[in-house]
Amino acid sequence: MPNRIIISECVFGGRYVTTFEPRSISWPSMEFRSYAEAKGCAEARHKAHGWPIEDRTQEGGAI
């Protein structure tokens, strides 16, 4: 079970990645075209499971 959710910028630029830590096959990282989509995914998981969100982007800061 993940301990936290991390939103970060994709290394290739222009995309955002939502990662569940610690990583596992059952909770893979997810890539999104926009920050809003990545944040929406993270917030939905947070609401459903209570996992804290760590935003490592320049878009939103800590949540």
PDB file of N, CA and C in Angstrom:
ATOM      1  N   MET A   1       0.846  -1.171   0.000  1.00  0.00           N
ATOM      2  CA  MET A   1       0.000   0.000   0.000  1.00  0.00           C
ATOM      3  C   MET A   1       0.898   1.242   0.000  1.00  0.00           C
ATOM      4  N   PRO A   2       0.673   2.187  -0.887  1.00  0.00           N
ATOM      5  CA  PRO A   2       1.507   3.383  -0.943  1.00  0.00           C
ATOM      6  C   PRO A   2       1.430   4.218   0.331  1.00  0.00           C
ATOM      7  N   ASN A   3       2.525   4.879   0.665  1.00  0.00           N
ATOM      8  CA  ASN A   3       2.591   5.760   1.818  1.00  0.00           C
ATOM      9  C   ASN A   3       2.380   7.219   1.437  1.00  0.00           C
ATOM     10  N   ARG A   4       2.599   7.536   0.158  1.00  0.00           N
ATOM     11  CA  ARG A   4       2.416   8.910  -0.306  1.00  0.00           C
ATOM     12  C   ARG A   4       2.265   8.947  -1.818  1.00  0.00           C
ATOM     13  N   ILE A   5       1.796  10.097  -2.289  1.00  0.00           N
ATOM     14  CA  ILE A   5       1.607  10.343  -3.715  1.00  0.00           C
ATOM     15  C   ILE A   5       2.512  11.512  -4.081  1.00  0.00           C
ATOM     16  N   ILE A   6       3.258  11.379  -5.165  1.00  0.00           N
ATOM     17  CA  ILE A   6       4.170  12.443  -5.597  1.00  0.00           C
ATOM     18  C   ILE A   6       3.773  12.903  -6.992  1.00  0.00           C
ATOM     19  N   ILE A   7       3.615  14.218  -7.143  1.00  0.00           N
ATOM     20  CA  ILE A   7       3.381  14.822  -8.457  1.00  0.00           C
ATOM     21  C   ILE A   7       4.693  15.479  -8.864  1.00  0.00           C
ATOM     22  N   SER A   8       5.198  15.137 -10.053  1.00  0.00           N
ATOM     23  CA  SER A   8       6.446  15.721 -10.526  1.00  0.00           C
ATOM     24  C   SER A   8       6.360  15.986 -12.022  1.00  0.00           C
ATOM     25  N   GLU A   9       7.300  16.799 -12.500  1.00  0.00           N
ATOM     26  CA  GLU A   9       7.366  17.073 -13.928  1.00  0.00           C
ATOM     27  C   GLU A   9       8.108  15.933 -14.609  1.00  0.00           C
ATOM     28  N   CYS A  10       7.645  15.535 -15.774  1.00  0.00           N
ATOM     29  CA  CYS A  10       8.276  14.465 -16.538  1.00  0.00           C
ATOM     30  C   CYS A  10       9.648  14.941 -17.027  1.00  0.00           C
ATOM     31  N   VAL A  11      10.610  14.045 -17.027  1.00  0.00           N
ATOM     32  CA  VAL A  11      11.967  14.412 -17.456  1.00  0.00           C
ATOM     33  C   VAL A  11      12.023  14.850 -18.917  1.00  0.00           C
ATOM     34  N   PHE A  12      11.067  14.436 -19.728  1.00  0.00           N
ATOM     35  CA  PHE A  12      11.049  14.803 -21.137  1.00  0.00           C
ATOM     36  C   PHE A  12      10.336  16.124 -21.380  1.00  0.00           C
ATOM     37  N   GLY A  13       9.758  16.717 -20.351  1.00  0.00           N
ATOM     38  CA  GLY A  13       9.122  18.023 -20.439  1.00  0.00           C
ATOM     39  C   GLY A  13       7.715  18.004 -20.990  1.00  0.00           C
ATOM     40  N   GLY A  14       6.941  18.967 -20.560  1.00  0.00           N
ATOM     41  CA  GLY A  14       5.594  19.138 -21.064  1.00  0.00           C
ATOM     42  C   GLY A  14       4.558  18.182 -20.507  1.00  0.00           C
ATOM     43  N   ARG A  15       4.953  17.270 -19.648  1.00  0.00           N
ATOM     44  CA  ARG A  15       4.025  16.315 -19.049  1.00  0.00           C
ATOM     45  C   ARG A  15       4.296  16.229 -17.555  1.00  0.00           C
ATOM     46  N   TYR A  16       3.345  15.614 -16.851  1.00  0.00           N
ATOM     47  CA  TYR A  16       3.447  15.474 -15.402  1.00  0.00           C
ATOM     48  C   TYR A  16       3.226  14.012 -15.027  1.00  0.00           C
ATOM     49  N   VAL A  17       3.886  13.596 -13.958  1.00  0.00           N
ATOM     50  CA  VAL A  17       3.817  12.204 -13.518  1.00  0.00           C
ATOM     51  C   VAL A  17       3.295  12.162 -12.089  1.00  0.00           C
ATOM     52  N   THR A  18       2.329  11.282 -11.861  1.00  0.00           N
ATOM     53  CA  THR A  18       1.838  11.006 -10.520  1.00  0.00           C
ATOM     54  C   THR A  18       2.377   9.631 -10.139  1.00  0.00           C
ATOM     55  N   THR A  19       3.154   9.593  -9.047  1.00  0.00           N
ATOM     56  CA  THR A  19       3.813   8.376  -8.604  1.00  0.00           C
ATOM     57  C   THR A  19       3.323   8.010  -7.213  1.00  0.00           C
ATOM     58  N   PHE A  20       3.144   6.727  -6.985  1.00  0.00           N
ATOM     59  CA  PHE A  20       2.737   6.232  -5.673  1.00  0.00           C
ATOM     60  C   PHE A  20       3.961   5.589  -5.034  1.00  0.00           C
ATOM     61  N   GLU A  21       4.371   6.082  -3.854  1.00  0.00           N
ATOM     62  CA  GLU A  21       5.569   5.585  -3.177  1.00  0.00           C
ATOM     63  C   GLU A  21       5.184   4.782  -1.950  1.00  0.00           C
ATOM     64  N   PRO A  22       5.852   3.698  -1.646  1.00  0.00           N
ATOM     65  CA  PRO A  22       6.867   3.071  -2.474  1.00  0.00           C
ATOM     66  C   PRO A  22       6.240   2.477  -3.731  1.00  0.00           C
ATOM     67  N   ARG A  23       7.011   2.425  -4.795  1.00  0.00           N
ATOM     68  CA  ARG A  23       6.511   1.949  -6.087  1.00  0.00           C
ATOM     69  C   ARG A  23       6.214   0.457  -6.046  1.00  0.00           C
ATOM     70  N   SER A  24       5.180   0.070  -6.789  1.00  0.00           N
ATOM     71  CA  SER A  24       4.840  -1.345  -6.906  1.00  0.00           C
ATOM     72  C   SER A  24       4.127  -1.574  -8.230  1.00  0.00           C
ATOM     73  N   ILE A  25       4.017  -2.812  -8.611  1.00  0.00           N
ATOM     74  CA  ILE A  25       3.325  -3.158  -9.854  1.00  0.00           C
ATOM     75  C   ILE A  25       1.844  -2.817  -9.756  1.00  0.00           C
ATOM     76  N   SER A  26       1.263  -2.977  -8.583  1.00  0.00           N
ATOM     77  CA  SER A  26      -0.164  -2.717  -8.427  1.00  0.00           C
ATOM     78  C   SER A  26      -0.491  -1.224  -8.413  1.00  0.00           C
ATOM     79  N   TRP A  27       0.502  -0.355  -8.159  1.00  0.00           N
ATOM     80  CA  TRP A  27       0.305   1.093  -8.179  1.00  0.00           C
ATOM     81  C   TRP A  27       1.365   1.734  -9.077  1.00  0.00           C
ATOM     82  N   PRO A  28       1.232   1.625 -10.407  1.00  0.00           N
ATOM     83  CA  PRO A  28       2.248   2.174 -11.322  1.00  0.00           C
ATOM     84  C   PRO A  28       2.181   3.704 -11.380  1.00  0.00           C
ATOM     85  N   SER A  29       3.254   4.313 -11.837  1.00  0.00           N
ATOM     86  CA  SER A  29       3.258   5.755 -12.081  1.00  0.00           C
ATOM     87  C   SER A  29       2.335   6.039 -13.258  1.00  0.00           C
ATOM     88  N   MET A  30       1.720   7.212 -13.243  1.00  0.00           N
ATOM     89  CA  MET A  30       0.793   7.595 -14.301  1.00  0.00           C
ATOM     90  C   MET A  30       1.244   8.929 -14.878  1.00  0.00           C
ATOM     91  N   GLU A  31       1.253   9.028 -16.213  1.00  0.00           N
ATOM     92  CA  GLU A  31       1.705  10.237 -16.900  1.00  0.00           C
ATOM     93  C   GLU A  31       0.504  10.992 -17.459  1.00  0.00           C
ATOM     94  N   PHE A  32       0.538  12.340 -17.323  1.00  0.00           N
ATOM     95  CA  PHE A  32      -0.568  13.185 -17.770  1.00  0.00           C
ATOM     96  C   PHE A  32      -0.048  14.341 -18.617  1.00  0.00           C
ATOM     97  N   ARG A  33      -0.889  14.843 -19.493  1.00  0.00           N
ATOM     98  CA  ARG A  33      -0.512  15.961 -20.364  1.00  0.00           C
ATOM     99  C   ARG A  33      -0.524  17.295 -19.633  1.00  0.00           C
ATOM    100  N   SER A  34      -1.365  17.405 -18.604  1.00  0.00           N
ATOM    101  CA  SER A  34      -1.453  18.682 -17.900  1.00  0.00           C
ATOM    102  C   SER A  34      -1.296  18.491 -16.395  1.00  0.00           C
ATOM    103  N   TYR A  35      -0.908  19.569 -15.745  1.00  0.00           N
ATOM    104  CA  TYR A  35      -0.773  19.561 -14.291  1.00  0.00           C
ATOM    105  C   TYR A  35      -2.138  19.298 -13.644  1.00  0.00           C
ATOM    106  N   ALA A  36      -3.198  19.888 -14.195  1.00  0.00           N
ATOM    107  CA  ALA A  36      -4.534  19.722 -13.631  1.00  0.00           C
ATOM    108  C   ALA A  36      -4.960  18.254 -13.618  1.00  0.00           C
ATOM    109  N   GLU A  37      -4.630  17.513 -14.671  1.00  0.00           N
ATOM    110  CA  GLU A  37      -4.968  16.085 -14.718  1.00  0.00           C
ATOM    111  C   GLU A  37      -4.182  15.296 -13.677  1.00  0.00           C
ATOM    112  N   ALA A  38      -2.890  15.590 -13.544  1.00  0.00           N
ATOM    113  CA  ALA A  38      -2.055  14.896 -12.565  1.00  0.00           C
ATOM    114  C   ALA A  38      -2.526  15.197 -11.147  1.00  0.00           C
ATOM    115  N   LYS A  39      -2.836  16.455 -10.885  1.00  0.00           N
ATOM    116  CA  LYS A  39      -3.312  16.855  -9.564  1.00  0.00           C
ATOM    117  C   LYS A  39      -4.678  16.234  -9.272  1.00  0.00           C
ATOM    118  N   GLY A  40      -5.550  16.179 -10.283  1.00  0.00           N
ATOM    119  CA  GLY A  40      -6.866  15.564 -10.105  1.00  0.00           C
ATOM    120  C   GLY A  40      -6.757  14.096  -9.726  1.00  0.00           C
ATOM    121  N   CYS A  41      -5.854  13.383 -10.377  1.00  0.00           N
ATOM    122  CA  CYS A  41      -5.626  11.974 -10.060  1.00  0.00           C
ATOM    123  C   CYS A  41      -5.129  11.827  -8.631  1.00  0.00           C
ATOM    124  N   ALA A  42      -4.135  12.638  -8.262  1.00  0.00           N
ATOM    125  CA  ALA A  42      -3.579  12.575  -6.909  1.00  0.00           C
ATOM    126  C   ALA A  42      -4.635  12.900  -5.859  1.00  0.00           C
ATOM    127  N   GLU A  43      -5.442  13.919  -6.115  1.00  0.00           N
ATOM    128  CA  GLU A  43      -6.474  14.301  -5.152  1.00  0.00           C
ATOM    129  C   GLU A  43      -7.549  13.223  -5.012  1.00  0.00           C
ATOM    130  N   ALA A  44      -7.888  12.556  -6.113  1.00  0.00           N
ATOM    131  CA  ALA A  44      -8.880  11.480  -6.043  1.00  0.00           C
ATOM    132  C   ALA A  44      -8.360  10.319  -5.196  1.00  0.00           C
ATOM    133  N   ARG A  45      -7.090   9.952  -5.377  1.00  0.00           N
ATOM    134  CA  ARG A  45      -6.493   8.882  -4.566  1.00  0.00           C
ATOM    135  C   ARG A  45      -6.386   9.309  -3.106  1.00  0.00           C
ATOM    136  N   HIS A  46      -6.039  10.586  -2.886  1.00  0.00           N
ATOM    137  CA  HIS A  46      -5.956  11.105  -1.525  1.00  0.00           C
ATOM    138  C   HIS A  46      -7.320  11.026  -0.836  1.00  0.00           C
ATOM    139  N   LYS A  47      -8.349  11.430  -1.560  1.00  0.00           N
ATOM    140  CA  LYS A  47      -9.698  11.416  -1.008  1.00  0.00           C
ATOM    141  C   LYS A  47     -10.166   9.988  -0.714  1.00  0.00           C
ATOM    142  N   ALA A  48      -9.827   9.054  -1.585  1.00  0.00           N
ATOM    143  CA  ALA A  48     -10.256   7.661  -1.425  1.00  0.00           C
ATOM    144  C   ALA A  48      -9.468   6.908  -0.354  1.00  0.00           C
ATOM    145  N   HIS A  49      -8.146   7.212  -0.258  1.00  0.00           N
ATOM    146  CA  HIS A  49      -7.288   6.405   0.614  1.00  0.00           C
ATOM    147  C   HIS A  49      -6.602   7.181   1.732  1.00  0.00           C
ATOM    148  N   GLY A  50      -6.590   8.506   1.648  1.00  0.00           N
ATOM    149  CA  GLY A  50      -5.970   9.314   2.687  1.00  0.00           C
ATOM    150  C   GLY A  50      -4.461   9.462   2.596  1.00  0.00           C
ATOM    151  N   TRP A  51      -3.869   9.018   1.491  1.00  0.00           N
ATOM    152  CA  TRP A  51      -2.420   9.127   1.333  1.00  0.00           C
ATOM    153  C   TRP A  51      -2.040  10.591   1.134  1.00  0.00           C
ATOM    154  N   PRO A  52      -0.986  11.063   1.783  1.00  0.00           N
ATOM    155  CA  PRO A  52      -0.568  12.459   1.601  1.00  0.00           C
ATOM    156  C   PRO A  52       0.001  12.703   0.202  1.00  0.00           C
ATOM    157  N   ILE A  53      -0.151  13.942  -0.269  1.00  0.00           N
ATOM    158  CA  ILE A  53       0.336  14.334  -1.589  1.00  0.00           C
ATOM    159  C   ILE A  53       1.550  15.235  -1.424  1.00  0.00           C
ATOM    160  N   GLU A  54       2.604  14.928  -2.161  1.00  0.00           N
ATOM    161  CA  GLU A  54       3.798  15.773  -2.203  1.00  0.00           C
ATOM    162  C   GLU A  54       3.928  16.294  -3.628  1.00  0.00           C
ATOM    163  N   ASP A  55       3.786  17.603  -3.791  1.00  0.00           N
ATOM    164  CA  ASP A  55       3.851  18.224  -5.114  1.00  0.00           C
ATOM    165  C   ASP A  55       5.258  18.775  -5.326  1.00  0.00           C
ATOM    166  N   ARG A  56       6.016  18.177  -6.229  1.00  0.00           N
ATOM    167  CA  ARG A  56       7.389  18.590  -6.499  1.00  0.00           C
ATOM    168  C   ARG A  56       7.506  19.466  -7.742  1.00  0.00           C
ATOM    169  N   THR A  57       6.399  19.983  -8.209  1.00  0.00           N
ATOM    170  CA  THR A  57       6.409  20.828  -9.393  1.00  0.00           C
ATOM    171  C   THR A  57       6.491  22.302  -9.002  1.00  0.00           C
ATOM    172  N   GLN A  58       6.679  23.144  -9.972  1.00  0.00           N
ATOM    173  CA  GLN A  58       6.647  24.596  -9.758  1.00  0.00           C
ATOM    174  C   GLN A  58       5.211  25.109  -9.799  1.00  0.00           C
ATOM    175  N   GLU A  59       4.269  24.227 -10.133  1.00  0.00           N
ATOM    176  CA  GLU A  59       2.871  24.619 -10.323  1.00  0.00           C
ATOM    177  C   GLU A  59       2.130  24.844  -9.010  1.00  0.00           C
ATOM    178  N   GLY A  60       2.315  23.916  -8.054  1.00  0.00           N
ATOM    179  CA  GLY A  60       1.446  23.966  -6.893  1.00  0.00           C
ATOM    180  C   GLY A  60       2.093  23.984  -5.529  1.00  0.00           C
ATOM    181  N   GLY A  61       3.331  23.568  -5.391  1.00  0.00           N
ATOM    182  CA  GLY A  61       3.948  23.495  -4.076  1.00  0.00           C
ATOM    183  C   GLY A  61       3.373  22.366  -3.260  1.00  0.00           C
ATOM    184  N   ALA A  62       3.569  22.384  -1.964  1.00  0.00           N
ATOM    185  CA  ALA A  62       3.081  21.307  -1.086  1.00  0.00           C
ATOM    186  C   ALA A  62       1.575  21.357  -0.946  1.00  0.00           C
ATOM    187  N   ILE A  63       0.966  20.197  -0.941  1.00  0.00           N
ATOM    188  CA  ILE A  63      -0.491  20.090  -0.766  1.00  0.00           C
ATOM    189  C   ILE A  63      -0.754  19.522   0.612  1.00  0.00           C
TER     190      ILE A  63
END
